[in-house]
Amino acid sequence: MTYPKHSPQIAILGAGLIGAAWAALFQHHGADVRVWDPAAEALAATGARMKAPLAQMAEVAPEAGSMGSLTLCDTLTDAVSGADLIQENAPESIPVKHALYAEVEPFMAPHAILASSTSALTWSELSPGLREPDHLITAHPFNPPHLVPLVEIYGTDQARVERAEAIYRFAGRVPVRLKKDATGHIANRLASALWREAVFMVQEGIADVEAIDAALINGPGLRWSVLGAHMAYHLGGGPGGMEGYLAHLGPSQERRWAALGVPSLSTEVQAELVAGVAREAAGRDMSELEATRDKALIAALRARKDAPHV
């Protein structure tokens, strides 16, 4: 496991929710961070947006050491010049990102990594916006990126991918590498498959929204926080492990797969989903729900530091 030999120079393009969280994460871990946003008011609000993530990082990773610097840049050139990693957080629009890359590329250092935080677009869709496509990687964080360690990476220049992984590890992240470019990367494909079945169960009247969420949180969700899907089934096979599970219970797994459904987001289903989460929220607004989520994530991260790794 390698780390950068020096504190990296980080450029954050886009100072919205994700960009501000990235900036706080890297600054907390000692990187020198430069932030740019095309909207002057968004750039001016960066410090305020970083305040809560920085406070949370102080709880989660108090051992990180000295803080890095933060510079708000009025020009794109000032932000990207000399940066080791350029973390792009532009809207999920191919034309918008291509236009931004055309401005960024002439000022990138030869060694620089241009990393897109995209959740919906693929490297194959984004790379035509560059003269040197190998300089680009997709580096998808999970929200909130300063608390959820995952970063999903795909790129074609393996040396750049390895350097990006080292920089993310420097910031306490857990990078995972895709072998192929794929819509939804890894985690969103898994999350989408699970939510599809959760919606199907609502549509078919199998259970209410609240019951489905409670079953997930108190059952497989708890186990998945320490075990991956494959390892969970390996342990489910007893002494025979995965091989024993597949031999003994593989056919029952196939029957369950065959029973899974494809829901339709009809007006009726949408209404039940909205009503269900409203019942779960129990009058709490978005800021309260986010604060509760973040408090629970911080507690989980603290517990995981002392937990054995499977």
Protein backbone atom coordinates (compact mmCIF):
# COMPACT_ATOMS: atom_id res chain seq x y z
CA MET A 1 0.00 0.00 0.00
CA THR A 2 1.67 3.22 -1.16
CA TYR A 3 1.07 6.84 -0.19
CA PRO A 4 2.28 10.09 -1.76
CA LYS A 5 5.81 11.05 -0.74
CA HIS A 6 4.63 14.61 -0.06
CA SER A 7 1.36 16.35 0.75
CA PRO A 8 -0.49 16.49 -2.55
CA GLN A 9 -1.67 19.63 -4.30
CA ILE A 10 -5.40 19.28 -4.84
CA ALA A 11 -7.64 21.32 -7.14
CA ILE A 12 -11.38 21.14 -6.48
CA LEU A 13 -13.53 22.24 -9.42
CA GLY A 14 -17.07 22.97 -8.27
CA ALA A 15 -17.80 24.14 -4.72
CA GLY A 16 -21.20 22.56 -4.22
CA LEU A 17 -22.11 19.83 -1.71
CA ILE A 18 -19.64 17.26 -3.06
CA GLY A 19 -16.86 19.71 -3.86
CA ALA A 20 -16.95 21.30 -0.42
CA ALA A 21 -16.82 17.87 1.23
CA TRP A 22 -13.83 16.85 -0.91
CA ALA A 23 -12.09 20.12 -0.01
CA ALA A 24 -12.68 19.58 3.72
CA LEU A 25 -11.48 15.98 3.52
CA PHE A 26 -8.23 16.79 1.75
CA GLN A 27 -7.49 19.89 3.84
CA HIS A 28 -8.09 17.95 7.06
CA HIS A 29 -5.54 15.34 5.97
CA GLY A 30 -2.88 17.95 5.26
CA ALA A 31 -3.18 18.53 1.52
CA ASP A 32 -2.91 21.98 -0.01
CA VAL A 33 -6.32 22.62 -1.55
CA ARG A 34 -7.36 25.14 -4.19
CA VAL A 35 -11.06 25.56 -4.96
CA TRP A 36 -12.67 27.10 -8.04
CA ASP A 37 -16.30 27.52 -9.03
CA PRO A 38 -17.74 29.37 -12.03
CA ALA A 39 -20.33 31.02 -9.76
CA ALA A 40 -18.79 33.71 -7.56
CA GLU A 41 -21.46 33.28 -4.87
CA ALA A 42 -20.80 29.53 -4.67
CA LEU A 43 -17.07 30.13 -4.34
CA ALA A 44 -17.64 32.70 -1.61
CA ALA A 45 -19.80 30.21 0.31
CA THR A 46 -17.11 27.50 0.26
CA GLY A 47 -15.82 28.20 3.77
CA ALA A 48 -19.30 28.04 5.24
CA ARG A 49 -20.06 24.79 3.38
CA MET A 50 -16.82 23.25 4.65
CA LYS A 51 -17.44 24.11 8.29
CA ALA A 52 -19.60 21.09 9.15
CA PRO A 53 -17.50 18.53 7.22
CA LEU A 54 -14.32 19.84 8.86
CA ALA A 55 -15.89 19.50 12.31
CA GLN A 56 -16.98 15.96 11.50
CA MET A 57 -13.53 15.06 10.18
CA ALA A 58 -12.05 16.24 13.49
CA GLU A 59 -14.26 13.65 15.20
CA VAL A 60 -13.63 10.83 12.72
CA ALA A 61 -9.89 11.28 12.13
CA PRO A 62 -8.36 13.37 14.93
CA GLU A 63 -5.01 11.69 14.27
CA ALA A 64 -4.70 13.18 10.77
CA GLY A 65 -2.09 15.75 11.82
CA SER A 66 -1.68 19.33 10.70
CA MET A 67 -4.25 20.94 8.42
CA GLY A 68 -3.40 21.79 4.85
CA SER A 69 -3.97 25.16 3.27
CA LEU A 70 -7.12 26.35 1.52
CA THR A 71 -7.10 28.85 -1.36
CA LEU A 72 -10.21 30.09 -3.13
CA CYS A 73 -9.31 30.77 -6.77
CA ASP A 74 -11.03 33.31 -8.97
CA THR A 75 -9.61 31.71 -12.12
CA LEU A 76 -9.52 28.13 -13.33
CA THR A 77 -5.85 28.57 -14.25
CA ASP A 78 -4.88 29.40 -10.67
CA ALA A 79 -6.74 26.34 -9.38
CA VAL A 80 -5.34 23.67 -11.69
CA SER A 81 -1.78 24.87 -12.35
CA GLY A 82 0.65 22.50 -10.65
CA ALA A 83 -2.07 20.35 -9.07
CA ASP A 84 -1.38 16.65 -8.58
CA LEU A 85 -5.09 15.76 -8.52
CA ILE A 86 -7.87 17.81 -10.11
CA GLN A 87 -11.18 16.63 -8.63
CA GLU A 88 -13.95 17.72 -11.01
CA ASN A 89 -17.49 18.08 -9.58
CA ALA A 90 -19.36 19.69 -12.48
CA PRO A 91 -23.04 18.91 -13.16
CA GLU A 92 -23.82 15.49 -14.67
CA SER A 93 -23.85 16.77 -18.24
CA ILE A 94 -21.49 15.50 -20.93
CA PRO A 95 -21.39 18.84 -22.83
CA VAL A 96 -20.73 20.77 -19.60
CA LYS A 97 -17.91 18.46 -18.56
CA HIS A 98 -16.39 18.40 -22.07
CA ALA A 99 -16.38 22.20 -22.15
CA LEU A 100 -14.73 22.33 -18.73
CA TYR A 101 -12.06 19.80 -19.76
CA ALA A 102 -11.23 21.90 -22.81
CA GLU A 103 -10.46 24.80 -20.46
CA VAL A 104 -8.60 22.71 -17.90
CA GLU A 105 -6.35 20.60 -20.11
CA PRO A 106 -3.99 23.35 -21.36
CA PHE A 107 -3.07 24.27 -17.76
CA MET A 108 -2.69 20.78 -16.29
CA ALA A 109 0.77 19.68 -15.17
CA PRO A 110 2.07 16.74 -17.24
CA HIS A 111 1.76 14.40 -14.24
CA ALA A 112 -1.67 15.64 -13.19
CA ILE A 113 -4.70 13.38 -12.75
CA LEU A 114 -8.07 14.73 -13.83
CA ALA A 115 -10.61 12.88 -11.70
CA SER A 116 -14.34 13.15 -12.28
CA SER A 117 -16.69 12.62 -9.33
CA THR A 118 -19.37 11.51 -11.78
CA SER A 119 -21.98 9.07 -10.50
CA ALA A 120 -23.96 8.62 -13.71
CA LEU A 121 -21.50 9.06 -16.58
CA THR A 122 -18.75 6.72 -17.73
CA TRP A 123 -15.11 7.26 -18.65
CA SER A 124 -15.98 6.36 -22.26
CA GLU A 125 -18.51 9.19 -22.37
CA LEU A 126 -16.23 11.74 -20.71
CA SER A 127 -12.83 11.00 -22.25
CA PRO A 128 -13.65 12.32 -25.77
CA GLY A 129 -13.56 15.77 -24.19
CA LEU A 130 -9.76 15.55 -23.88
CA ARG A 131 -6.81 15.62 -26.26
CA GLU A 132 -5.03 13.22 -23.85
CA PRO A 133 -7.82 10.90 -22.63
CA ASP A 134 -5.43 8.83 -20.51
CA HIS A 135 -5.12 11.80 -18.14
CA LEU A 136 -8.73 11.24 -17.05
CA ILE A 137 -10.06 8.85 -14.45
CA THR A 138 -13.54 8.49 -13.03
CA ALA A 139 -13.34 8.65 -9.24
CA HIS A 140 -16.85 8.26 -7.86
CA PRO A 141 -17.32 8.95 -4.13
CA PHE A 142 -20.32 7.94 -2.07
CA ASN A 143 -22.22 10.80 -0.43
CA PRO A 144 -21.14 12.25 1.94
CA PRO A 145 -17.62 11.73 0.56
CA HIS A 146 -15.82 12.91 3.69
CA LEU A 147 -17.56 10.24 5.81
CA VAL A 148 -18.09 7.30 3.43
CA PRO A 149 -14.61 5.99 2.52
CA LEU A 150 -15.39 4.43 -0.86
CA VAL A 151 -13.92 5.86 -4.09
CA GLU A 152 -14.59 3.86 -7.27
CA ILE A 153 -11.89 4.36 -9.90
CA TYR A 154 -11.60 3.60 -13.59
CA GLY A 155 -8.90 4.79 -15.98
CA THR A 156 -6.73 3.54 -18.81
CA ASP A 157 -3.34 4.84 -17.64
CA GLN A 158 -2.43 2.40 -14.86
CA ALA A 159 0.36 4.60 -13.51
CA ARG A 160 -2.13 7.46 -13.05
CA VAL A 161 -4.66 5.11 -11.49
CA GLU A 162 -2.05 3.92 -8.99
CA ARG A 163 -1.06 7.49 -8.12
CA ALA A 164 -4.71 8.44 -7.69
CA GLU A 165 -5.23 5.48 -5.37
CA ALA A 166 -2.26 6.62 -3.29
CA ILE A 167 -3.66 10.15 -3.00
CA TYR A 168 -7.10 8.89 -1.93
CA ARG A 169 -5.50 6.59 0.66
CA PHE A 170 -3.56 9.61 1.95
CA ALA A 171 -6.99 11.15 2.64
CA GLY A 172 -8.26 8.04 4.42
CA ARG A 173 -10.33 6.77 1.50
CA VAL A 174 -10.70 3.17 0.31
CA PRO A 175 -10.23 3.14 -3.47
CA VAL A 176 -11.56 0.20 -5.48
CA ARG A 177 -10.63 -0.31 -9.10
CA LEU A 178 -13.00 -1.28 -11.93
CA LYS A 179 -11.58 -3.66 -14.54
CA LYS A 180 -14.08 -2.39 -17.13
CA ASP A 181 -15.87 0.89 -17.70
CA ALA A 182 -19.45 0.39 -16.45
CA THR A 183 -22.55 2.52 -15.99
CA GLY A 184 -23.16 2.95 -12.26
CA HIS A 185 -19.65 1.78 -11.41
CA ILE A 186 -19.83 -0.97 -8.73
CA ALA A 187 -21.71 0.29 -5.69
CA ASN A 188 -24.51 2.12 -7.49
CA ARG A 189 -25.18 -0.99 -9.57
CA LEU A 190 -25.51 -2.99 -6.37
CA ALA A 191 -27.60 -0.27 -4.70
CA SER A 192 -29.86 0.04 -7.75
CA ALA A 193 -30.44 -3.71 -7.89
CA LEU A 194 -31.43 -3.75 -4.22
CA TRP A 195 -33.69 -0.71 -4.50
CA ARG A 196 -35.36 -2.16 -7.59
CA GLU A 197 -36.45 -5.16 -5.51
CA ALA A 198 -37.41 -2.91 -2.58
CA VAL A 199 -39.70 -0.92 -4.91
CA PHE A 200 -41.07 -4.14 -6.42
CA MET A 201 -42.05 -5.36 -2.93
CA VAL A 202 -43.92 -2.11 -2.33
CA GLN A 203 -45.64 -2.43 -5.73
CA GLU A 204 -46.68 -6.02 -5.02
CA GLY A 205 -47.90 -5.25 -1.51
CA ILE A 206 -45.36 -7.59 0.11
CA ALA A 207 -44.39 -5.00 2.74
CA ASP A 208 -44.54 -1.27 3.47
CA VAL A 209 -41.62 1.09 2.90
CA GLU A 210 -40.86 1.26 6.62
CA ALA A 211 -40.80 -2.53 7.05
CA ILE A 212 -38.49 -2.99 4.06
CA ASP A 213 -36.05 -0.35 5.35
CA ALA A 214 -36.14 -1.80 8.88
CA ALA A 215 -35.47 -5.31 7.53
CA LEU A 216 -32.48 -4.05 5.58
CA ILE A 217 -30.97 -1.98 8.41
CA ASN A 218 -31.38 -4.67 11.07
CA GLY A 219 -30.53 -7.66 8.91
CA PRO A 220 -28.26 -7.78 5.88
CA GLY A 221 -27.32 -4.09 6.11
CA LEU A 222 -25.68 -4.67 9.48
CA ARG A 223 -23.78 -7.67 8.15
CA TRP A 224 -22.79 -5.89 4.93
CA SER A 225 -21.08 -3.18 6.97
CA VAL A 226 -18.39 -5.73 7.84
CA LEU A 227 -18.76 -8.37 5.10
CA GLY A 228 -19.11 -8.16 1.34
CA ALA A 229 -21.87 -10.08 -0.43
CA HIS A 230 -19.54 -12.83 -1.64
CA MET A 231 -17.83 -13.28 1.73
CA ALA A 232 -21.21 -13.40 3.51
CA TYR A 233 -22.28 -16.33 1.35
CA HIS A 234 -18.87 -17.97 1.80
CA LEU A 235 -19.46 -17.94 5.57
CA GLY A 236 -23.05 -19.06 4.95
CA GLY A 237 -21.66 -22.24 3.42
CA GLY A 238 -20.32 -23.42 6.78
CA PRO A 239 -17.20 -25.62 6.68
CA GLY A 240 -17.55 -25.98 2.91
CA GLY A 241 -17.47 -22.23 2.33
CA MET A 242 -18.57 -20.83 -1.02
CA GLU A 243 -18.11 -24.17 -2.76
CA GLY A 244 -20.33 -25.87 -0.19
CA TYR A 245 -22.94 -23.10 -0.38
CA LEU A 246 -23.17 -23.28 -4.17
CA ALA A 247 -23.42 -27.07 -4.14
CA HIS A 248 -26.04 -27.19 -1.40
CA LEU A 249 -28.02 -23.96 -1.72
CA GLY A 250 -27.21 -22.74 -5.23
CA PRO A 251 -30.54 -24.03 -6.65
CA SER A 252 -32.52 -22.21 -3.91
CA GLN A 253 -30.61 -19.04 -4.72
CA GLU A 254 -31.58 -19.39 -8.37
CA ARG A 255 -35.24 -19.79 -7.33
CA ARG A 256 -35.01 -16.53 -5.37
CA TRP A 257 -33.41 -14.79 -8.34
CA ALA A 258 -36.24 -16.01 -10.56
CA ALA A 259 -38.79 -14.53 -8.15
CA LEU A 260 -37.24 -11.06 -8.20
CA GLY A 261 -39.28 -8.47 -10.04
CA VAL A 262 -39.01 -5.47 -12.31
CA PRO A 263 -41.13 -2.66 -10.84
CA SER A 264 -42.82 0.16 -12.67
CA LEU A 265 -42.59 3.64 -11.22
CA SER A 266 -46.28 4.26 -11.82
CA THR A 267 -48.10 7.17 -10.25
CA GLU A 268 -49.47 4.83 -7.59
CA VAL A 269 -46.08 3.33 -6.72
CA GLN A 270 -44.45 6.76 -6.57
CA ALA A 271 -47.19 7.97 -4.23
CA GLU A 272 -46.62 5.02 -1.90
CA LEU A 273 -42.85 5.56 -1.88
CA VAL A 274 -43.30 9.25 -1.04
CA ALA A 275 -45.85 8.46 1.67
CA GLY A 276 -43.67 5.69 3.08
CA VAL A 277 -40.55 7.82 3.53
CA ALA A 278 -42.71 10.61 4.98
CA ARG A 279 -43.91 8.15 7.62
CA GLU A 280 -40.32 7.11 8.30
CA ALA A 281 -39.15 10.74 8.53
CA ALA A 282 -41.86 11.40 11.15
CA GLY A 283 -41.81 15.15 10.63
CA ARG A 284 -38.03 15.55 10.53
CA ASP A 285 -36.81 17.86 7.76
CA MET A 286 -33.88 17.14 5.45
CA SER A 287 -31.32 18.88 7.66
CA GLU A 288 -32.41 16.82 10.68
CA LEU A 289 -32.31 13.58 8.68
CA GLU A 290 -28.85 14.40 7.31
CA ALA A 291 -27.57 15.23 10.80
CA THR A 292 -28.93 11.93 12.13
CA ARG A 293 -27.35 10.04 9.22
CA ASP A 294 -23.99 11.72 9.72
CA LYS A 295 -24.00 11.11 13.48
CA ALA A 296 -24.68 7.43 12.87
CA LEU A 297 -21.98 7.23 10.19
CA ILE A 298 -19.43 8.80 12.54
CA ALA A 299 -20.33 6.28 15.26
CA ALA A 300 -20.05 3.43 12.75
CA LEU A 301 -16.67 4.65 11.50
CA ARG A 302 -15.36 4.85 15.06
CA ALA A 303 -16.56 1.31 15.74
CA ARG A 304 -14.97 0.02 12.54
CA LYS A 305 -11.56 1.33 13.62
CA ASP A 306 -11.57 -1.15 16.50
CA ALA A 307 -13.32 -3.95 14.64
CA PRO A 308 -11.40 -6.86 13.08
CA HIS A 309 -11.31 -6.94 9.29
CA VAL A 310 -12.64 -10.07 7.57
